[in-house]
Amino acid sequence: MAVVGPIEQILLPVRDIGAARRFYGGVLKLAAIADGEDLAIYDTGQAKLILFRSDAPATGIELAFTVASLEAALAELVAADVRIVSPPRTEPWGGRTAKIADPDGHVHSLVQYP
């Protein structure tokens, strides 16, 4: 038996909570669970994503979001002026990935499984 259970929360510091809300709730369309002055919590379908205001620089945390169609997701994100960090590519394991950036500069992956 594992010492720990599944990951249930991901904490991500952001400088501008308003911009983060617009990105994660508006652009990525994650369902909001809770909102506070310096905090926003979203349901990712698995773990809860907890954004909290911090003056710390962007971290090395990278989230990987599953998408049904990488091209369709990228088209929607480009239309919303999301910065594409790396274009779509086919991975050795057969899936396709691309990288995007949030308003704080956190780089996240989009993953389309084969």
PDB file of N, CA and C in Angstrom:
ATOM      1  N   MET A   1       0.838  -1.179   0.000  1.00  0.00           N
ATOM      2  CA  MET A   1       0.000   0.000   0.000  1.00  0.00           C
ATOM      3  C   MET A   1       0.882   1.242   0.000  1.00  0.00           C
ATOM      4  N   ALA A   2       0.513   2.243  -0.785  1.00  0.00           N
ATOM      5  CA  ALA A   2       1.289   3.480  -0.875  1.00  0.00           C
ATOM      6  C   ALA A   2       1.221   4.250   0.431  1.00  0.00           C
ATOM      7  N   VAL A   3       2.269   4.983   0.704  1.00  0.00           N
ATOM      8  CA  VAL A   3       2.316   5.830   1.897  1.00  0.00           C
ATOM      9  C   VAL A   3       1.367   7.010   1.744  1.00  0.00           C
ATOM     10  N   VAL A   4       1.222   7.492   0.529  1.00  0.00           N
ATOM     11  CA  VAL A   4       0.339   8.640   0.278  1.00  0.00           C
ATOM     12  C   VAL A   4      -0.773   8.230  -0.682  1.00  0.00           C
ATOM     13  N   GLY A   5      -1.826   9.009  -0.697  1.00  0.00           N
ATOM     14  CA  GLY A   5      -2.935   8.779  -1.617  1.00  0.00           C
ATOM     15  C   GLY A   5      -2.769   9.616  -2.870  1.00  0.00           C
ATOM     16  N   PRO A   6      -3.823   9.715  -3.674  1.00  0.00           N
ATOM     17  CA  PRO A   6      -3.743  10.502  -4.904  1.00  0.00           C
ATOM     18  C   PRO A   6      -3.585  11.993  -4.615  1.00  0.00           C
ATOM     19  N   ILE A   7      -3.038  12.706  -5.562  1.00  0.00           N
ATOM     20  CA  ILE A   7      -2.918  14.158  -5.437  1.00  0.00           C
ATOM     21  C   ILE A   7      -4.313  14.749  -5.583  1.00  0.00           C
ATOM     22  N   GLU A   8      -4.724  15.527  -4.597  1.00  0.00           N
ATOM     23  CA  GLU A   8      -6.050  16.115  -4.614  1.00  0.00           C
ATOM     24  C   GLU A   8      -6.036  17.619  -4.828  1.00  0.00           C
ATOM     25  N   GLN A   9      -4.886  18.267  -4.585  1.00  0.00           N
ATOM     26  CA  GLN A   9      -4.808  19.713  -4.737  1.00  0.00           C
ATOM     27  C   GLN A   9      -3.476  20.092  -5.368  1.00  0.00           C
ATOM     28  N   ILE A  10      -3.536  21.084  -6.227  1.00  0.00           N
ATOM     29  CA  ILE A  10      -2.336  21.680  -6.802  1.00  0.00           C
ATOM     30  C   ILE A  10      -2.401  23.156  -6.452  1.00  0.00           C
ATOM     31  N   LEU A  11      -1.384  23.666  -5.765  1.00  0.00           N
ATOM     32  CA  LEU A  11      -1.343  25.078  -5.383  1.00  0.00           C
ATOM     33  C   LEU A  11      -0.410  25.816  -6.328  1.00  0.00           C
ATOM     34  N   LEU A  12      -0.911  26.890  -6.917  1.00  0.00           N
ATOM     35  CA  LEU A  12      -0.151  27.633  -7.908  1.00  0.00           C
ATOM     36  C   LEU A  12      -0.163  29.117  -7.565  1.00  0.00           C
ATOM     37  N   PRO A  13       1.010  29.691  -7.244  1.00  0.00           N
ATOM     38  CA  PRO A  13       1.054  31.117  -6.934  1.00  0.00           C
ATOM     39  C   PRO A  13       0.913  31.958  -8.203  1.00  0.00           C
ATOM     40  N   VAL A  14       0.147  33.045  -8.109  1.00  0.00           N
ATOM     41  CA  VAL A  14      -0.036  33.972  -9.236  1.00  0.00           C
ATOM     42  C   VAL A  14       0.093  35.399  -8.723  1.00  0.00           C
ATOM     43  N   ARG A  15       0.610  36.284  -9.552  1.00  0.00           N
ATOM     44  CA  ARG A  15       0.759  37.690  -9.152  1.00  0.00           C
ATOM     45  C   ARG A  15      -0.550  38.462  -9.269  1.00  0.00           C
ATOM     46  N   ASP A  16      -1.323  38.165 -10.305  1.00  0.00           N
ATOM     47  CA  ASP A  16      -2.566  38.898 -10.575  1.00  0.00           C
ATOM     48  C   ASP A  16      -3.719  37.900 -10.556  1.00  0.00           C
ATOM     49  N   ILE A  17      -4.438  37.846  -9.449  1.00  0.00           N
ATOM     50  CA  ILE A  17      -5.518  36.860  -9.299  1.00  0.00           C
ATOM     51  C   ILE A  17      -6.634  37.092 -10.315  1.00  0.00           C
ATOM     52  N   GLY A  18      -6.878  38.353 -10.692  1.00  0.00           N
ATOM     53  CA  GLY A  18      -7.903  38.651 -11.695  1.00  0.00           C
ATOM     54  C   GLY A  18      -7.541  38.087 -13.058  1.00  0.00           C
ATOM     55  N   ALA A  19      -6.299  38.293 -13.477  1.00  0.00           N
ATOM     56  CA  ALA A  19      -5.835  37.752 -14.761  1.00  0.00           C
ATOM     57  C   ALA A  19      -5.853  36.226 -14.723  1.00  0.00           C
ATOM     58  N   ALA A  20      -5.489  35.647 -13.588  1.00  0.00           N
ATOM     59  CA  ALA A  20      -5.502  34.189 -13.445  1.00  0.00           C
ATOM     60  C   ALA A  20      -6.932  33.657 -13.545  1.00  0.00           C
ATOM     61  N   ARG A  21      -7.891  34.337 -12.929  1.00  0.00           N
ATOM     62  CA  ARG A  21      -9.301  33.924 -13.016  1.00  0.00           C
ATOM     63  C   ARG A  21      -9.778  33.960 -14.471  1.00  0.00           C
ATOM     64  N   ARG A  22      -9.424  35.033 -15.178  1.00  0.00           N
ATOM     65  CA  ARG A  22      -9.843  35.148 -16.577  1.00  0.00           C
ATOM     66  C   ARG A  22      -9.238  34.027 -17.418  1.00  0.00           C
ATOM     67  N   PHE A  23      -7.980  33.650 -17.127  1.00  0.00           N
ATOM     68  CA  PHE A  23      -7.316  32.602 -17.898  1.00  0.00           C
ATOM     69  C   PHE A  23      -7.874  31.220 -17.570  1.00  0.00           C
ATOM     70  N   TYR A  24      -7.822  30.829 -16.291  1.00  0.00           N
ATOM     71  CA  TYR A  24      -8.204  29.471 -15.907  1.00  0.00           C
ATOM     72  C   TYR A  24      -9.718  29.255 -15.950  1.00  0.00           C
ATOM     73  N   GLY A  25     -10.499  30.247 -15.518  1.00  0.00           N
ATOM     74  CA  GLY A  25     -11.950  30.114 -15.540  1.00  0.00           C
ATOM     75  C   GLY A  25     -12.559  30.502 -16.871  1.00  0.00           C
ATOM     76  N   GLY A  26     -12.087  31.626 -17.435  1.00  0.00           N
ATOM     77  CA  GLY A  26     -12.647  32.131 -18.686  1.00  0.00           C
ATOM     78  C   GLY A  26     -12.134  31.437 -19.922  1.00  0.00           C
ATOM     79  N   VAL A  27     -10.825  31.436 -20.107  1.00  0.00           N
ATOM     80  CA  VAL A  27     -10.240  30.875 -21.321  1.00  0.00           C
ATOM     81  C   VAL A  27     -10.225  29.347 -21.281  1.00  0.00           C
ATOM     82  N   LEU A  28      -9.704  28.761 -20.190  1.00  0.00           N
ATOM     83  CA  LEU A  28      -9.638  27.299 -20.105  1.00  0.00           C
ATOM     84  C   LEU A  28     -10.968  26.676 -19.674  1.00  0.00           C
ATOM     85  N   LYS A  29     -11.883  27.502 -19.182  1.00  0.00           N
ATOM     86  CA  LYS A  29     -13.240  27.079 -18.818  1.00  0.00           C
ATOM     87  C   LYS A  29     -13.270  26.030 -17.708  1.00  0.00           C
ATOM     88  N   LEU A  30     -12.342  26.130 -16.740  1.00  0.00           N
ATOM     89  CA  LEU A  30     -12.404  25.255 -15.577  1.00  0.00           C
ATOM     90  C   LEU A  30     -13.539  25.737 -14.671  1.00  0.00           C
ATOM     91  N   ALA A  31     -14.215  24.811 -14.023  1.00  0.00           N
ATOM     92  CA  ALA A  31     -15.345  25.148 -13.144  1.00  0.00           C
ATOM     93  C   ALA A  31     -14.835  25.700 -11.820  1.00  0.00           C
ATOM     94  N   ALA A  32     -15.307  26.901 -11.474  1.00  0.00           N
ATOM     95  CA  ALA A  32     -14.918  27.536 -10.207  1.00  0.00           C
ATOM     96  C   ALA A  32     -15.646  26.853  -9.051  1.00  0.00           C
ATOM     97  N   ILE A  33     -14.893  26.577  -7.980  1.00  0.00           N
ATOM     98  CA  ILE A  33     -15.455  25.973  -6.775  1.00  0.00           C
ATOM     99  C   ILE A  33     -15.579  27.030  -5.690  1.00  0.00           C
ATOM    100  N   ALA A  34     -14.569  27.888  -5.583  1.00  0.00           N
ATOM    101  CA  ALA A  34     -14.564  28.922  -4.549  1.00  0.00           C
ATOM    102  C   ALA A  34     -13.770  30.113  -5.051  1.00  0.00           C
ATOM    103  N   ASP A  35     -14.116  31.270  -4.507  1.00  0.00           N
ATOM    104  CA  ASP A  35     -13.468  32.518  -4.882  1.00  0.00           C
ATOM    105  C   ASP A  35     -13.277  33.361  -3.634  1.00  0.00           C
ATOM    106  N   GLY A  36     -12.126  33.953  -3.498  1.00  0.00           N
ATOM    107  CA  GLY A  36     -11.867  34.866  -2.401  1.00  0.00           C
ATOM    108  C   GLY A  36     -11.080  36.040  -2.928  1.00  0.00           C
ATOM    109  N   GLU A  37     -10.761  36.973  -2.068  1.00  0.00           N
ATOM    110  CA  GLU A  37     -10.034  38.164  -2.497  1.00  0.00           C
ATOM    111  C   GLU A  37      -8.694  37.807  -3.131  1.00  0.00           C
ATOM    112  N   ASP A  38      -7.960  36.885  -2.524  1.00  0.00           N
ATOM    113  CA  ASP A  38      -6.631  36.498  -3.007  1.00  0.00           C
ATOM    114  C   ASP A  38      -6.544  35.016  -3.338  1.00  0.00           C
ATOM    115  N   LEU A  39      -7.681  34.399  -3.667  1.00  0.00           N
ATOM    116  CA  LEU A  39      -7.726  32.952  -3.852  1.00  0.00           C
ATOM    117  C   LEU A  39      -8.808  32.580  -4.848  1.00  0.00           C
ATOM    118  N   ALA A  40      -8.541  31.579  -5.675  1.00  0.00           N
ATOM    119  CA  ALA A  40      -9.550  31.014  -6.569  1.00  0.00           C
ATOM    120  C   ALA A  40      -9.290  29.510  -6.645  1.00  0.00           C
ATOM    121  N   ILE A  41     -10.355  28.727  -6.551  1.00  0.00           N
ATOM    122  CA  ILE A  41     -10.216  27.273  -6.590  1.00  0.00           C
ATOM    123  C   ILE A  41     -11.061  26.748  -7.749  1.00  0.00           C
ATOM    124  N   TYR A  42     -10.450  25.883  -8.563  1.00  0.00           N
ATOM    125  CA  TYR A  42     -11.105  25.307  -9.735  1.00  0.00           C
ATOM    126  C   TYR A  42     -11.092  23.794  -9.673  1.00  0.00           C
ATOM    127  N   ASP A  43     -12.129  23.193 -10.250  1.00  0.00           N
ATOM    128  CA  ASP A  43     -12.228  21.745 -10.362  1.00  0.00           C
ATOM    129  C   ASP A  43     -11.665  21.353 -11.724  1.00  0.00           C
ATOM    130  N   THR A  44     -10.634  20.517 -11.722  1.00  0.00           N
ATOM    131  CA  THR A  44     -10.033  20.086 -12.984  1.00  0.00           C
ATOM    132  C   THR A  44     -10.615  18.763 -13.464  1.00  0.00           C
ATOM    133  N   GLY A  45     -11.506  18.188 -12.676  1.00  0.00           N
ATOM    134  CA  GLY A  45     -12.036  16.868 -13.004  1.00  0.00           C
ATOM    135  C   GLY A  45     -11.321  15.791 -12.206  1.00  0.00           C
ATOM    136  N   GLN A  46     -10.165  16.142 -11.652  1.00  0.00           N
ATOM    137  CA  GLN A  46      -9.406  15.244 -10.789  1.00  0.00           C
ATOM    138  C   GLN A  46      -8.969  16.028  -9.568  1.00  0.00           C
ATOM    139  N   ALA A  47      -7.824  16.657  -9.638  1.00  0.00           N
ATOM    140  CA  ALA A  47      -7.331  17.457  -8.507  1.00  0.00           C
ATOM    141  C   ALA A  47      -7.941  18.853  -8.547  1.00  0.00           C
ATOM    142  N   LYS A  48      -8.017  19.486  -7.393  1.00  0.00           N
ATOM    143  CA  LYS A  48      -8.447  20.876  -7.315  1.00  0.00           C
ATOM    144  C   LYS A  48      -7.240  21.761  -7.617  1.00  0.00           C
ATOM    145  N   LEU A  49      -7.423  22.773  -8.423  1.00  0.00           N
ATOM    146  CA  LEU A  49      -6.381  23.747  -8.729  1.00  0.00           C
ATOM    147  C   LEU A  49      -6.641  24.971  -7.869  1.00  0.00           C
ATOM    148  N   ILE A  50      -5.707  25.262  -6.965  1.00  0.00           N
ATOM    149  CA  ILE A  50      -5.855  26.382  -6.045  1.00  0.00           C
ATOM    150  C   ILE A  50      -4.869  27.469  -6.449  1.00  0.00           C
ATOM    151  N   LEU A  51      -5.398  28.599  -6.900  1.00  0.00           N
ATOM    152  CA  LEU A  51      -4.587  29.753  -7.266  1.00  0.00           C
ATOM    153  C   LEU A  51      -4.593  30.708  -6.085  1.00  0.00           C
ATOM    154  N   PHE A  52      -3.420  31.180  -5.710  1.00  0.00           N
ATOM    155  CA  PHE A  52      -3.361  32.142  -4.616  1.00  0.00           C
ATOM    156  C   PHE A  52      -2.424  33.268  -4.986  1.00  0.00           C
ATOM    157  N   ARG A  53      -2.792  34.495  -4.575  1.00  0.00           N
ATOM    158  CA  ARG A  53      -1.987  35.656  -4.903  1.00  0.00           C
ATOM    159  C   ARG A  53      -0.681  35.626  -4.141  1.00  0.00           C
ATOM    160  N   SER A  54       0.405  35.861  -4.894  1.00  0.00           N
ATOM    161  CA  SER A  54       1.738  35.864  -4.302  1.00  0.00           C
ATOM    162  C   SER A  54       2.628  36.754  -5.163  1.00  0.00           C
ATOM    163  N   ASP A  55       3.567  37.429  -4.531  1.00  0.00           N
ATOM    164  CA  ASP A  55       4.522  38.237  -5.279  1.00  0.00           C
ATOM    165  C   ASP A  55       5.720  37.420  -5.756  1.00  0.00           C
ATOM    166  N   ALA A  56       5.718  36.142  -5.446  1.00  0.00           N
ATOM    167  CA  ALA A  56       6.817  35.268  -5.863  1.00  0.00           C
ATOM    168  C   ALA A  56       6.791  35.100  -7.382  1.00  0.00           C
ATOM    169  N   PRO A  57       7.949  34.897  -7.997  1.00  0.00           N
ATOM    170  CA  PRO A  57       7.982  34.682  -9.454  1.00  0.00           C
ATOM    171  C   PRO A  57       7.342  33.344  -9.820  1.00  0.00           C
ATOM    172  N   ALA A  58       7.038  33.183 -11.103  1.00  0.00           N
ATOM    173  CA  ALA A  58       6.454  31.932 -11.596  1.00  0.00           C
ATOM    174  C   ALA A  58       7.332  30.757 -11.178  1.00  0.00           C
ATOM    175  N   THR A  59       6.673  29.653 -10.861  1.00  0.00           N
ATOM    176  CA  THR A  59       7.377  28.460 -10.404  1.00  0.00           C
ATOM    177  C   THR A  59       7.690  27.532 -11.563  1.00  0.00           C
ATOM    178  N   GLY A  60       8.362  26.452 -11.265  1.00  0.00           N
ATOM    179  CA  GLY A  60       8.663  25.439 -12.263  1.00  0.00           C
ATOM    180  C   GLY A  60       7.555  24.409 -12.392  1.00  0.00           C
ATOM    181  N   ILE A  61       6.383  24.679 -11.798  1.00  0.00           N
ATOM    182  CA  ILE A  61       5.267  23.743 -11.880  1.00  0.00           C
ATOM    183  C   ILE A  61       4.681  23.786 -13.287  1.00  0.00           C
ATOM    184  N   GLU A  62       4.462  22.616 -13.860  1.00  0.00           N
ATOM    185  CA  GLU A  62       3.814  22.532 -15.168  1.00  0.00           C
ATOM    186  C   GLU A  62       2.601  21.631 -15.047  1.00  0.00           C
ATOM    187  N   LEU A  63       1.448  22.151 -15.410  1.00  0.00           N
ATOM    188  CA  LEU A  63       0.230  21.360 -15.431  1.00  0.00           C
ATOM    189  C   LEU A  63       0.070  20.765 -16.822  1.00  0.00           C
ATOM    190  N   ALA A  64      -0.477  19.573 -16.898  1.00  0.00           N
ATOM    191  CA  ALA A  64      -0.755  18.935 -18.185  1.00  0.00           C
ATOM    192  C   ALA A  64      -2.257  18.735 -18.293  1.00  0.00           C
ATOM    193  N   PHE A  65      -2.881  19.436 -19.234  1.00  0.00           N
ATOM    194  CA  PHE A  65      -4.319  19.354 -19.449  1.00  0.00           C
ATOM    195  C   PHE A  65      -4.608  18.415 -20.618  1.00  0.00           C
ATOM    196  N   THR A  66      -5.489  17.457 -20.422  1.00  0.00           N
ATOM    197  CA  THR A  66      -5.899  16.548 -21.478  1.00  0.00           C
ATOM    198  C   THR A  66      -6.899  17.253 -22.392  1.00  0.00           C
ATOM    199  N   VAL A  67      -6.720  17.098 -23.697  1.00  0.00           N
ATOM    200  CA  VAL A  67      -7.654  17.660 -24.675  1.00  0.00           C
ATOM    201  C   VAL A  67      -8.077  16.565 -25.648  1.00  0.00           C
ATOM    202  N   ALA A  68      -9.304  16.677 -26.157  1.00  0.00           N
ATOM    203  CA  ALA A  68      -9.787  15.693 -27.127  1.00  0.00           C
ATOM    204  C   ALA A  68      -9.127  15.910 -28.487  1.00  0.00           C
ATOM    205  N   SER A  69      -8.960  17.180 -28.864  1.00  0.00           N
ATOM    206  CA  SER A  69      -8.329  17.536 -30.138  1.00  0.00           C
ATOM    207  C   SER A  69      -7.338  18.667 -29.886  1.00  0.00           C
ATOM    208  N   LEU A  70      -6.076  18.400 -30.088  1.00  0.00           N
ATOM    209  CA  LEU A  70      -5.049  19.400 -29.849  1.00  0.00           C
ATOM    210  C   LEU A  70      -5.235  20.602 -30.774  1.00  0.00           C
ATOM    211  N   GLU A  71      -5.512  20.345 -32.033  1.00  0.00           N
ATOM    212  CA  GLU A  71      -5.668  21.433 -32.994  1.00  0.00           C
ATOM    213  C   GLU A  71      -6.858  22.316 -32.640  1.00  0.00           C
ATOM    214  N   ALA A  72      -7.985  21.723 -32.257  1.00  0.00           N
ATOM    215  CA  ALA A  72      -9.169  22.499 -31.895  1.00  0.00           C
ATOM    216  C   ALA A  72      -8.908  23.325 -30.641  1.00  0.00           C
ATOM    217  N   ALA A  73      -8.252  22.727 -29.651  1.00  0.00           N
ATOM    218  CA  ALA A  73      -7.938  23.454 -28.417  1.00  0.00           C
ATOM    219  C   ALA A  73      -7.006  24.624 -28.711  1.00  0.00           C
ATOM    220  N   LEU A  74      -5.981  24.392 -29.523  1.00  0.00           N
ATOM    221  CA  LEU A  74      -5.039  25.468 -29.846  1.00  0.00           C
ATOM    222  C   LEU A  74      -5.725  26.590 -30.624  1.00  0.00           C
ATOM    223  N   ALA A  75      -6.601  26.248 -31.537  1.00  0.00           N
ATOM    224  CA  ALA A  75      -7.315  27.281 -32.307  1.00  0.00           C
ATOM    225  C   ALA A  75      -8.126  28.169 -31.369  1.00  0.00           C
ATOM    226  N   GLU A  76      -8.797  27.561 -30.395  1.00  0.00           N
ATOM    227  CA  GLU A  76      -9.597  28.337 -29.444  1.00  0.00           C
ATOM    228  C   GLU A  76      -8.702  29.203 -28.560  1.00  0.00           C
ATOM    229  N   LEU A  77      -7.573  28.665 -28.139  1.00  0.00           N
ATOM    230  CA  LEU A  77      -6.659  29.419 -27.275  1.00  0.00           C
ATOM    231  C   LEU A  77      -5.980  30.561 -28.034  1.00  0.00           C
ATOM    232  N   VAL A  78      -5.596  30.328 -29.268  1.00  0.00           N
ATOM    233  CA  VAL A  78      -4.999  31.391 -30.089  1.00  0.00           C
ATOM    234  C   VAL A  78      -6.007  32.515 -30.285  1.00  0.00           C
ATOM    235  N   ALA A  79      -7.277  32.161 -30.507  1.00  0.00           N
ATOM    236  CA  ALA A  79      -8.324  33.185 -30.668  1.00  0.00           C
ATOM    237  C   ALA A  79      -8.503  34.003 -29.391  1.00  0.00           C
ATOM    238  N   ALA A  80      -8.150  33.418 -28.241  1.00  0.00           N
ATOM    239  CA  ALA A  80      -8.239  34.124 -26.956  1.00  0.00           C
ATOM    240  C   ALA A  80      -6.911  34.792 -26.585  1.00  0.00           C
ATOM    241  N   ASP A  81      -5.990  34.881 -27.533  1.00  0.00           N
ATOM    242  CA  ASP A  81      -4.687  35.524 -27.347  1.00  0.00           C
ATOM    243  C   ASP A  81      -3.794  34.839 -26.318  1.00  0.00           C
ATOM    244  N   VAL A  82      -3.949  33.531 -26.151  1.00  0.00           N
ATOM    245  CA  VAL A  82      -3.057  32.775 -25.263  1.00  0.00           C
ATOM    246  C   VAL A  82      -1.746  32.550 -26.006  1.00  0.00           C
ATOM    247  N   ARG A  83      -0.640  32.743 -25.303  1.00  0.00           N
ATOM    248  CA  ARG A  83       0.684  32.569 -25.917  1.00  0.00           C
ATOM    249  C   ARG A  83       1.000  31.083 -26.046  1.00  0.00           C
ATOM    250  N   ILE A  84       1.308  30.663 -27.269  1.00  0.00           N
ATOM    251  CA  ILE A  84       1.726  29.288 -27.531  1.00  0.00           C
ATOM    252  C   ILE A  84       3.246  29.255 -27.380  1.00  0.00           C
ATOM    253  N   VAL A  85       3.720  28.452 -26.450  1.00  0.00           N
ATOM    254  CA  VAL A  85       5.152  28.382 -26.149  1.00  0.00           C
ATOM    255  C   VAL A  85       5.860  27.414 -27.085  1.00  0.00           C
ATOM    256  N   SER A  86       5.232  26.283 -27.360  1.00  0.00           N
ATOM    257  CA  SER A  86       5.795  25.355 -28.341  1.00  0.00           C
ATOM    258  C   SER A  86       4.654  24.751 -29.151  1.00  0.00           C
ATOM    259  N   PRO A  87       4.859  24.630 -30.456  1.00  0.00           N
ATOM    260  CA  PRO A  87       3.797  24.157 -31.346  1.00  0.00           C
ATOM    261  C   PRO A  87       3.528  22.659 -31.141  1.00  0.00           C
ATOM    262  N   PRO A  88       2.458  22.184 -31.740  1.00  0.00           N
ATOM    263  CA  PRO A  88       2.122  20.762 -31.601  1.00  0.00           C
ATOM    264  C   PRO A  88       3.247  19.867 -32.117  1.00  0.00           C
ATOM    265  N   ARG A  89       3.405  18.758 -31.404  1.00  0.00           N
ATOM    266  CA  ARG A  89       4.379  17.764 -31.861  1.00  0.00           C
ATOM    267  C   ARG A  89       3.893  16.388 -31.450  1.00  0.00           C
ATOM    268  N   THR A  90       4.302  15.407 -32.212  1.00  0.00           N
ATOM    269  CA  THR A  90       3.974  14.023 -31.892  1.00  0.00           C
ATOM    270  C   THR A  90       5.083  13.472 -31.019  1.00  0.00           C
ATOM    271  N   GLU A  91       4.687  12.923 -29.881  1.00  0.00           N
ATOM    272  CA  GLU A  91       5.648  12.375 -28.921  1.00  0.00           C
ATOM    273  C   GLU A  91       5.995  10.935 -29.279  1.00  0.00           C
ATOM    274  N   PRO A  92       7.144  10.441 -28.812  1.00  0.00           N
ATOM    275  CA  PRO A  92       7.540   9.059 -29.107  1.00  0.00           C
ATOM    276  C   PRO A  92       6.507   8.021 -28.642  1.00  0.00           C
ATOM    277  N   TRP A  93       5.699   8.347 -27.623  1.00  0.00           N
ATOM    278  CA  TRP A  93       4.704   7.409 -27.113  1.00  0.00           C
ATOM    279  C   TRP A  93       3.392   7.465 -27.895  1.00  0.00           C
ATOM    280  N   GLY A  94       3.342   8.315 -28.960  1.00  0.00           N
ATOM    281  CA  GLY A  94       2.200   8.334 -29.861  1.00  0.00           C
ATOM    282  C   GLY A  94       1.213   9.462 -29.652  1.00  0.00           C
ATOM    283  N   GLY A  95       1.287  10.140 -28.514  1.00  0.00           N
ATOM    284  CA  GLY A  95       0.387  11.258 -28.255  1.00  0.00           C
ATOM    285  C   GLY A  95       0.909  12.531 -28.895  1.00  0.00           C
ATOM    286  N   ARG A  96       0.085  13.585 -28.825  1.00  0.00           N
ATOM    287  CA  ARG A  96       0.494  14.888 -29.348  1.00  0.00           C
ATOM    288  C   ARG A  96       0.434  15.892 -28.222  1.00  0.00           C
ATOM    289  N   THR A  97       1.405  16.806 -28.195  1.00  0.00           N
ATOM    290  CA  THR A  97       1.471  17.813 -27.145  1.00  0.00           C
ATOM    291  C   THR A  97       1.789  19.187 -27.726  1.00  0.00           C
ATOM    292  N   ALA A  98       1.471  20.202 -26.949  1.00  0.00           N
ATOM    293  CA  ALA A  98       1.870  21.586 -27.234  1.00  0.00           C
ATOM    294  C   ALA A  98       1.953  22.271 -25.875  1.00  0.00           C
ATOM    295  N   LYS A  99       2.631  23.401 -25.824  1.00  0.00           N
ATOM    296  CA  LYS A  99       2.768  24.133 -24.565  1.00  0.00           C
ATOM    297  C   LYS A  99       2.216  25.546 -24.714  1.00  0.00           C
ATOM    298  N   ILE A 100       1.540  25.991 -23.637  1.00  0.00           N
ATOM    299  CA  ILE A 100       0.967  27.333 -23.583  1.00  0.00           C
ATOM    300  C   ILE A 100       1.462  28.018 -22.315  1.00  0.00           C
ATOM    301  N   ALA A 101       1.277  29.336 -22.238  1.00  0.00           N
ATOM    302  CA  ALA A 101       1.662  30.082 -21.031  1.00  0.00           C
ATOM    303  C   ALA A 101       0.454  30.813 -20.474  1.00  0.00           C
ATOM    304  N   ASP A 102       0.383  30.866 -19.141  1.00  0.00           N
ATOM    305  CA  ASP A 102      -0.674  31.643 -18.494  1.00  0.00           C
ATOM    306  C   ASP A 102      -0.188  33.075 -18.319  1.00  0.00           C
ATOM    307  N   PRO A 103      -1.001  33.979 -17.791  1.00  0.00           N
ATOM    308  CA  PRO A 103      -0.587  35.376 -17.659  1.00  0.00           C
ATOM    309  C   PRO A 103       0.642  35.605 -16.773  1.00  0.00           C
ATOM    310  N   ASP A 104       0.929  34.681 -15.855  1.00  0.00           N
ATOM    311  CA  ASP A 104       2.107  34.807 -14.996  1.00  0.00           C
ATOM    312  C   ASP A 104       3.360  34.207 -15.616  1.00  0.00           C
ATOM    313  N   GLY A 105       3.213  33.548 -16.760  1.00  0.00           N
ATOM    314  CA  GLY A 105       4.359  32.914 -17.394  1.00  0.00           C
ATOM    315  C   GLY A 105       4.516  31.439 -17.054  1.00  0.00           C
ATOM    316  N   HIS A 106       3.584  30.876 -16.264  1.00  0.00           N
ATOM    317  CA  HIS A 106       3.615  29.436 -16.009  1.00  0.00           C
ATOM    318  C   HIS A 106       3.377  28.726 -17.339  1.00  0.00           C
ATOM    319  N   VAL A 107       4.215  27.775 -17.666  1.00  0.00           N
ATOM    320  CA  VAL A 107       4.077  27.027 -18.910  1.00  0.00           C
ATOM    321  C   VAL A 107       3.342  25.721 -18.600  1.00  0.00           C
ATOM    322  N   HIS A 108       2.301  25.433 -19.390  1.00  0.00           N
ATOM    323  CA  HIS A 108       1.500  24.231 -19.206  1.00  0.00           C
ATOM    324  C   HIS A 108       1.421  23.467 -20.518  1.00  0.00           C
ATOM    325  N   SER A 109       1.226  22.156 -20.401  1.00  0.00           N
ATOM    326  CA  SER A 109       1.088  21.299 -21.581  1.00  0.00           C
ATOM    327  C   SER A 109      -0.362  21.007 -21.886  1.00  0.00           C
ATOM    328  N   LEU A 110      -0.640  20.855 -23.170  1.00  0.00           N
ATOM    329  CA  LEU A 110      -1.890  20.290 -23.635  1.00  0.00           C
ATOM    330  C   LEU A 110      -1.531  18.919 -24.177  1.00  0.00           C
ATOM    331  N   VAL A 111      -2.269  17.907 -23.796  1.00  0.00           N
ATOM    332  CA  VAL A 111      -1.941  16.519 -24.187  1.00  0.00           C
ATOM    333  C   VAL A 111      -3.143  15.871 -24.837  1.00  0.00           C
ATOM    334  N   GLN A 112      -2.926  15.367 -26.053  1.00  0.00           N
ATOM    335  CA  GLN A 112      -3.948  14.571 -26.753  1.00  0.00           C
ATOM    336  C   GLN A 112      -3.405  13.147 -26.797  1.00  0.00           C
ATOM    337  N   TYR A 113      -4.094  12.242 -26.117  1.00  0.00           N
ATOM    338  CA  TYR A 113      -3.651  10.845 -26.093  1.00  0.00           C
ATOM    339  C   TYR A 113      -4.063  10.134 -27.366  1.00  0.00           C
ATOM    340  N   PRO A 114      -3.266   9.139 -27.777  1.00  0.00           N
ATOM    341  CA  PRO A 114      -3.594   8.407 -29.009  1.00  0.00           C
ATOM    342  C   PRO A 114      -4.878   7.595 -28.862  1.00  0.00           C
TER     343      PRO A 114
END
